[in-house]
Protein backbone atom coordinates (compact mmCIF):
# COMPACT_ATOMS: atom_id res chain seq x y z
CA MET A 1 43.07 123.25 103.45
CA THR A 2 46.16 125.18 102.22
CA PRO A 3 48.24 123.02 99.92
CA LEU A 4 51.33 121.56 101.51
CA ARG A 5 54.51 122.94 100.03
CA VAL A 6 56.68 119.96 99.06
CA VAL A 7 60.33 120.43 98.05
CA VAL A 8 61.64 117.63 95.74
CA THR A 9 65.39 117.69 95.15
CA GLY A 10 67.06 116.17 92.07
CA GLY A 11 64.42 117.19 89.50
CA GLY A 12 66.82 116.06 86.78
CA SER A 13 66.82 112.47 88.00
CA ILE A 14 64.39 109.62 87.31
CA VAL A 15 63.85 109.37 91.10
CA GLY A 16 63.01 113.07 91.51
CA GLN A 17 60.64 113.00 88.54
CA GLY A 18 59.06 109.82 89.91
CA ILE A 19 58.34 111.50 93.26
CA ILE A 20 56.64 114.35 91.39
CA LYS A 21 54.51 111.88 89.39
CA ALA A 22 53.48 110.04 92.58
CA LEU A 23 52.54 113.30 94.33
CA ARG A 24 50.44 114.32 91.30
CA HIS A 25 48.71 110.95 91.48
CA SER A 26 47.99 111.17 95.18
CA GLY A 27 44.80 112.60 96.73
CA LEU A 28 46.81 115.26 98.57
CA ARG A 29 46.66 118.99 97.92
CA VAL A 30 50.33 119.86 97.34
CA ARG A 31 52.36 122.59 95.67
CA ILE A 32 55.56 121.06 94.33
CA ILE A 33 58.77 123.04 94.44
CA CYS A 34 61.42 121.20 92.39
CA THR A 35 65.13 121.89 92.85
CA ASP A 36 68.21 120.75 90.97
CA ILE A 37 71.79 121.90 90.46
CA ALA A 38 70.97 122.80 86.82
CA PRO A 39 67.92 124.24 85.14
CA LEU A 40 67.99 122.19 81.89
CA ASN A 41 66.08 119.10 82.89
CA ALA A 42 62.54 117.84 82.59
CA GLY A 43 61.46 117.69 86.22
CA ILE A 44 62.35 121.25 87.14
CA VAL A 45 60.39 122.81 84.30
CA ARG A 46 57.22 120.84 85.16
CA ALA A 47 56.87 121.69 88.84
CA ASP A 48 54.61 124.38 90.32
CA GLU A 49 57.73 126.28 91.43
CA ALA A 50 61.41 125.65 90.87
CA ALA A 51 64.82 126.71 92.12
CA VAL A 52 68.39 125.99 91.03
CA MET A 53 70.47 125.13 94.10
CA PRO A 54 74.21 124.53 94.45
CA PRO A 55 75.47 120.96 94.99
CA VAL A 56 75.30 119.83 98.59
CA GLU A 57 78.98 118.86 98.43
CA ARG A 58 80.02 122.50 98.28
CA PRO A 59 81.34 124.18 101.46
CA GLY A 60 78.57 126.09 103.24
CA ALA A 61 75.78 124.14 101.64
CA LEU A 62 73.76 123.92 104.86
CA GLU A 63 73.83 127.72 105.34
CA THR A 64 72.58 128.08 101.72
CA TRP A 65 69.77 125.57 102.15
CA LEU A 66 68.41 126.87 105.49
CA PRO A 67 67.36 130.35 104.28
CA ALA A 68 66.28 128.90 100.89
CA LEU A 69 63.81 126.52 102.61
CA GLN A 70 62.51 129.36 104.71
CA ARG A 71 61.95 131.43 101.55
CA MET A 72 60.23 128.51 99.90
CA ARG A 73 57.98 128.14 102.99
CA ALA A 74 58.61 124.41 102.74
CA ASP A 75 56.52 121.97 104.74
CA VAL A 76 58.37 118.81 103.71
CA LEU A 77 61.48 117.91 101.68
CA MET A 78 61.81 114.73 99.67
CA ILE A 79 65.10 113.55 98.23
CA GLY A 80 65.24 112.74 94.56
CA SER A 81 69.01 112.56 94.06
CA GLU A 82 71.30 109.89 95.53
CA TYR A 83 73.95 112.60 95.95
CA ASP A 84 71.72 114.61 98.32
CA LEU A 85 70.83 111.76 100.61
CA ALA A 86 73.77 111.68 103.09
CA PHE A 87 73.70 115.50 103.38
CA PHE A 88 70.04 115.73 104.31
CA SER A 89 70.23 112.65 106.53
CA GLU A 90 73.13 114.19 108.50
CA HIS A 91 71.49 117.63 108.83
CA ARG A 92 67.90 116.51 109.20
CA ALA A 93 67.47 117.61 112.82
CA THR A 94 69.11 121.02 112.20
CA ILE A 95 66.93 121.70 109.13
CA GLU A 96 63.72 120.66 110.91
CA THR A 97 64.51 122.76 113.97
CA ARG A 98 65.54 125.93 112.12
CA THR A 99 63.03 125.87 109.23
CA GLY A 100 60.09 123.75 110.34
CA CYS A 101 60.46 121.71 107.21
CA LYS A 102 60.13 117.91 107.72
CA VAL A 103 62.94 116.01 105.99
CA ILE A 104 62.13 112.49 104.76
CA ALA A 105 65.47 110.85 105.26
CA SER A 106 66.64 107.74 107.07
CA PRO A 107 69.25 107.88 109.89
CA PRO A 108 72.93 108.36 108.80
CA GLU A 109 73.84 104.86 109.90
CA THR A 110 71.20 103.33 107.64
CA VAL A 111 72.17 105.56 104.73
CA ALA A 112 75.80 104.46 105.23
CA ILE A 113 74.89 100.78 105.02
CA ALA A 114 72.74 101.27 101.97
CA ASP A 115 75.36 103.42 100.23
CA ASP A 116 78.03 100.75 100.59
CA LYS A 117 77.33 97.39 98.95
CA VAL A 118 80.02 95.72 101.05
CA ALA A 119 78.39 97.10 104.24
CA THR A 120 75.04 95.83 102.88
CA ALA A 121 76.40 92.29 102.43
CA ARG A 122 77.93 92.40 105.94
CA PHE A 123 74.65 93.64 107.46
CA LEU A 124 72.79 90.76 105.82
CA ALA A 125 75.37 88.19 106.93
CA SER A 126 75.47 89.50 110.52
CA ASN A 127 71.73 89.20 110.76
CA GLY A 128 71.64 85.69 109.39
CA LEU A 129 69.88 86.72 106.15
CA PRO A 130 70.65 85.58 102.59
CA HIS A 131 73.52 87.41 100.96
CA ALA A 132 75.93 87.19 98.09
CA ARG A 133 79.59 86.28 98.84
CA THR A 134 81.57 89.47 98.68
CA LEU A 135 85.34 90.20 98.63
CA THR A 136 87.21 93.47 98.66
CA PRO A 137 90.69 93.04 97.09
CA ALA A 138 93.01 96.02 97.43
CA SER A 139 95.07 95.24 94.34
CA LEU A 140 94.84 93.39 91.08
CA ALA A 141 96.94 90.58 92.51
CA GLU A 142 94.50 90.20 95.36
CA ALA A 143 91.63 90.37 92.84
CA VAL A 144 93.06 87.48 90.90
CA ALA A 145 93.19 85.42 94.08
CA ALA A 146 89.68 86.46 95.06
CA ALA A 147 88.45 85.44 91.61
CA GLU A 148 89.78 81.93 92.26
CA GLN A 149 87.75 81.84 95.49
CA LEU A 150 84.52 83.02 93.89
CA GLY A 151 84.97 81.24 90.61
CA TYR A 152 84.14 82.69 87.20
CA PRO A 153 81.82 84.41 86.34
CA PHE A 154 81.47 86.95 89.11
CA VAL A 155 80.40 90.56 89.39
CA LEU A 156 82.93 93.44 89.57
CA LYS A 157 81.38 96.74 90.72
CA PRO A 158 82.02 99.81 92.84
CA ARG A 159 81.10 99.69 96.53
CA SER A 160 78.74 102.65 96.04
CA GLY A 161 76.70 103.99 93.15
CA THR A 162 73.45 103.28 91.24
CA SER A 163 72.14 102.67 87.71
CA ALA A 164 74.64 99.86 87.15
CA ARG A 165 77.56 102.31 86.60
CA HIS A 166 80.87 100.43 86.24
CA VAL A 167 79.13 97.08 86.89
CA GLU A 168 80.71 94.22 84.87
CA VAL A 169 80.17 90.51 84.79
CA ILE A 170 83.72 89.07 84.64
CA HIS A 171 84.06 85.82 82.78
CA ASP A 172 87.84 85.49 82.49
CA ARG A 173 91.23 86.76 83.71
CA ALA A 174 91.66 89.13 80.71
CA SER A 175 88.43 90.96 81.58
CA LEU A 176 89.49 91.20 85.21
CA ASP A 177 92.87 92.67 84.22
CA TYR A 178 91.12 95.28 82.09
CA PHE A 179 88.19 96.34 84.27
CA PHE A 180 89.54 96.08 87.83
CA PRO A 181 91.92 99.15 87.56
CA ARG A 182 89.04 101.08 85.93
CA THR A 183 86.48 100.45 88.69
CA PRO A 184 86.25 102.97 91.53
CA ARG A 185 86.44 101.39 94.99
CA PRO A 186 86.12 97.90 93.48
CA MET A 187 84.51 94.86 95.04
CA LEU A 188 83.97 91.36 93.78
CA GLN A 189 80.62 89.61 94.40
CA GLU A 190 79.21 86.21 93.72
CA PHE A 191 77.28 85.99 90.44
CA LEU A 192 73.72 85.21 91.41
CA ARG A 193 72.20 82.79 88.94
CA GLU A 194 68.56 83.78 88.53
CA VAL A 195 65.59 81.47 88.30
CA PRO A 196 64.19 82.47 84.88
CA GLU A 197 60.51 83.16 85.58
CA SER A 198 58.27 85.54 83.64
CA ILE A 199 60.43 88.59 82.68
CA GLY A 200 63.41 87.55 84.73
CA GLY A 201 64.66 86.73 88.22
CA GLU A 202 65.69 90.22 89.38
CA PHE A 203 63.34 91.99 91.84
CA THR A 204 63.02 95.56 93.03
CA CYS A 205 61.08 95.70 96.27
CA SER A 206 60.14 98.17 98.98
CA ILE A 207 59.12 98.23 102.59
CA PHE A 208 57.78 101.44 104.18
CA ARG A 209 58.30 102.41 107.83
CA CYS A 210 55.74 104.79 109.30
CA ALA A 211 56.40 107.42 111.92
CA ASP A 212 54.91 105.12 114.57
CA GLY A 213 57.28 102.31 113.54
CA ALA A 214 54.69 100.22 111.68
CA LEU A 215 55.87 98.53 108.48
CA LEU A 216 53.71 98.70 105.36
CA GLY A 217 54.14 96.42 102.40
CA PRO A 218 56.23 94.96 101.04
CA PHE A 219 55.73 96.00 97.46
CA VAL A 220 57.24 93.22 95.33
CA SER A 221 58.02 93.52 91.61
CA ARG A 222 60.05 91.74 89.03
CA ARG A 223 61.92 93.75 86.41
CA THR A 224 64.16 94.00 83.44
CA LEU A 225 66.67 96.82 83.13
CA ARG A 226 67.67 99.35 80.47
CA GLY A 227 70.50 101.75 81.15
CA GLY A 228 70.56 100.65 84.77
CA SER A 229 66.88 101.61 85.36
CA SER A 230 63.76 99.51 85.62
CA TRP A 231 62.23 99.26 82.14
CA MET A 232 59.69 96.41 82.27
CA VAL A 233 58.13 95.93 85.71
CA GLU A 234 55.72 93.15 86.79
CA ILE A 235 53.99 93.62 90.11
CA THR A 236 53.74 90.21 91.68
CA ASP A 237 53.72 88.41 95.00
CA SER A 238 56.04 85.96 96.70
CA ALA A 239 55.72 84.64 100.21
CA THR A 240 59.49 84.06 100.52
CA VAL A 241 60.25 87.64 99.29
CA ASP A 242 57.63 89.08 101.64
CA GLU A 243 59.20 87.26 104.63
CA LEU A 244 62.68 88.42 103.69
CA MET A 245 61.62 92.06 103.15
CA LEU A 246 59.90 92.18 106.56
CA ALA A 247 62.99 90.67 108.22
CA ILE A 248 65.14 93.39 106.63
CA GLY A 249 62.75 96.18 107.44
CA THR A 250 62.57 95.05 111.08
CA ARG A 251 66.29 95.02 111.53
CA LEU A 252 67.26 98.20 109.67
CA PRO A 253 66.04 101.52 111.02
CA SER A 254 64.56 103.71 108.31
CA VAL A 255 62.30 106.66 107.58
CA GLY A 256 59.77 106.00 104.92
CA SER A 257 60.95 103.96 101.99
CA LEU A 258 63.65 101.22 102.06
CA ASN A 259 64.32 99.64 98.64
CA VAL A 260 65.89 96.27 98.20
CA GLN A 261 67.21 94.80 94.98
CA LEU A 262 67.39 91.01 95.03
CA MET A 263 67.75 88.02 92.80
CA LEU A 264 65.52 84.99 92.85
CA THR A 265 67.96 82.07 92.79
CA GLU A 266 67.76 78.30 93.31
CA ARG A 267 68.47 78.90 97.02
CA GLY A 268 65.69 81.48 97.25
CA PRO A 269 65.71 85.28 97.17
CA VAL A 270 69.15 86.84 97.73
CA PRO A 271 69.47 90.63 98.27
CA PHE A 272 72.44 92.44 96.80
CA GLU A 273 71.60 96.21 97.14
CA PHE A 274 69.74 98.57 99.46
CA ASN A 275 68.55 102.14 98.75
CA ALA A 276 67.45 104.10 101.83
CA ARG A 277 65.33 106.47 99.76
CA PHE A 278 62.62 106.70 97.11
CA SER A 279 63.43 104.80 93.97
CA GLY A 280 63.08 105.05 90.21
CA THR A 281 60.03 102.79 90.41
CA THR A 282 58.24 105.18 92.83
CA PRO A 283 55.55 106.27 90.29
CA ILE A 284 54.93 102.63 89.24
CA ARG A 285 54.38 101.65 92.84
CA ALA A 286 52.10 104.64 93.29
CA TRP A 287 49.91 103.65 90.36
CA PHE A 288 49.51 100.10 91.71
CA GLY A 289 48.48 101.26 95.20
CA PHE A 290 51.76 101.79 97.12
CA ASN A 291 52.23 105.55 96.96
CA GLU A 292 55.32 106.14 99.12
CA PRO A 293 55.51 109.97 98.78
CA GLU A 294 51.86 110.18 99.80
CA MET A 295 52.34 107.77 102.70
CA ALA A 296 55.38 109.78 103.86
CA ILE A 297 53.33 112.99 104.00
CA ARG A 298 50.36 111.36 105.70
CA SER A 299 52.49 109.63 108.29
CA TYR A 300 55.37 112.04 109.00
CA VAL A 301 53.74 115.43 108.30
CA LEU A 302 50.03 114.94 108.90
CA ASN A 303 50.56 112.40 111.70
CA GLU A 304 47.92 110.00 110.27
CA SER A 305 47.76 106.33 111.16
CA LEU A 306 48.06 104.38 107.90
CA ALA A 307 46.22 101.21 107.00
CA ALA A 308 47.89 98.58 104.89
CA PRO A 309 47.63 99.74 101.26
CA ALA A 310 45.78 97.52 98.77
CA ILE A 311 48.47 96.68 96.22
CA ARG A 312 47.15 95.68 92.77
CA ARG A 313 48.97 93.30 90.48
CA GLY A 314 49.89 94.32 86.95
CA PHE A 315 52.60 95.17 84.45
CA CYS A 316 54.39 98.39 83.50
CA MET A 317 56.19 99.24 80.24
CA ARG A 318 58.18 102.44 80.22
CA TYR A 319 58.84 104.76 77.26
CA VAL A 320 60.66 108.02 76.55
CA GLU A 321 58.85 111.36 76.66
CA GLU A 322 59.91 114.89 75.66
CA ILE A 323 59.39 118.37 77.09
CA MET A 324 59.03 121.12 74.48
CA LEU A 325 59.84 124.78 75.24
CA ASP A 326 58.74 126.80 72.21
CA GLU A 327 60.60 129.96 71.29
CA MET A 328 63.01 129.61 74.24
CA PRO A 329 66.79 129.35 73.92
CA ALA A 330 68.61 127.26 76.52
CA ASN A 331 70.09 130.31 78.29
CA ALA A 332 66.59 131.71 78.87
CA VAL A 333 65.24 128.68 80.74
CA PRO A 334 66.45 129.61 84.27
CA ALA A 335 64.47 132.87 84.21
CA LYS A 336 61.31 131.10 83.05
CA LEU A 337 61.05 128.25 85.51
CA PRO A 338 58.76 126.37 85.54
CA ALA A 339 57.83 126.39 81.87
CA GLY A 340 57.00 122.91 80.59
CA VAL A 341 53.96 122.00 78.47
CA ILE A 342 52.44 118.52 78.18
CA ASN A 343 52.10 117.11 74.68
CA ARG A 344 49.61 114.34 74.09
CA TRP A 345 51.26 112.04 71.59
CA PHE A 346 49.01 109.03 71.98
């Protein structure tokens, strides 16, 4: 069988690199074509092929991507950058029709809910599911009044974004006065007090929707964070989390992976963030039996019927790795893609 040609966007991100790792771990024959808006990142120099592409926010991006995917002879495109998601979701049908490349992206309405934490909270509330109390003050004066409603401490964060950017736990009025004007599209949310079990009460979970509508999983893991990304991850199980994840997956249309961040509290699991895409924990999930990039190809490209994956329990500790490019100045990298070499440190 000829290897499937898989385009992975966002090779400079932890998500894009995680997709590549999961594909390498799978039993599929694939040739990975990694793209990014810049050549100087680890993922793009480790792929089988690579291309530097302009940001999707630029005018005319679609007309740039269409011929590029044809030149790449792409069979499937997987999104590794949060900034690419809305673009490929919106243009999925056009890309598939004009290039024959299957795009793994959820519908725009689902992406919009997941990209807006206020919309996420409203979706949960309207479906009778656990949610954190959320307020959207338009001014500092309104924020002060909202703080009195929520009570200190509470969480101040942007309505969109990942990796805990601009997220602050506000303990007093002085902190609110300082951080509120510095937070883009601010929202106030109830501080969820976690039940301290094992490594913590925060969970990152996934449910996978197949092309035939079947739901696989959920994959349930507890984590600690460093720099906004999962750093220590314990793969576990929880009947209450399983039930909640299936309820969310049933109600929210998706293609492939739907990630949910939640906190285990005294009133049970409470979700506070959705990601309608692959996540930074994708390679961890793949190792423990829940390989979402592989499942996406088997279901949406190869039209296979998937059995429920056997998820193993375990623990993951992350560490930093380096890519070495000997005798190569930075300005020579674009002409030498891909060019990375694996070093075996230990």
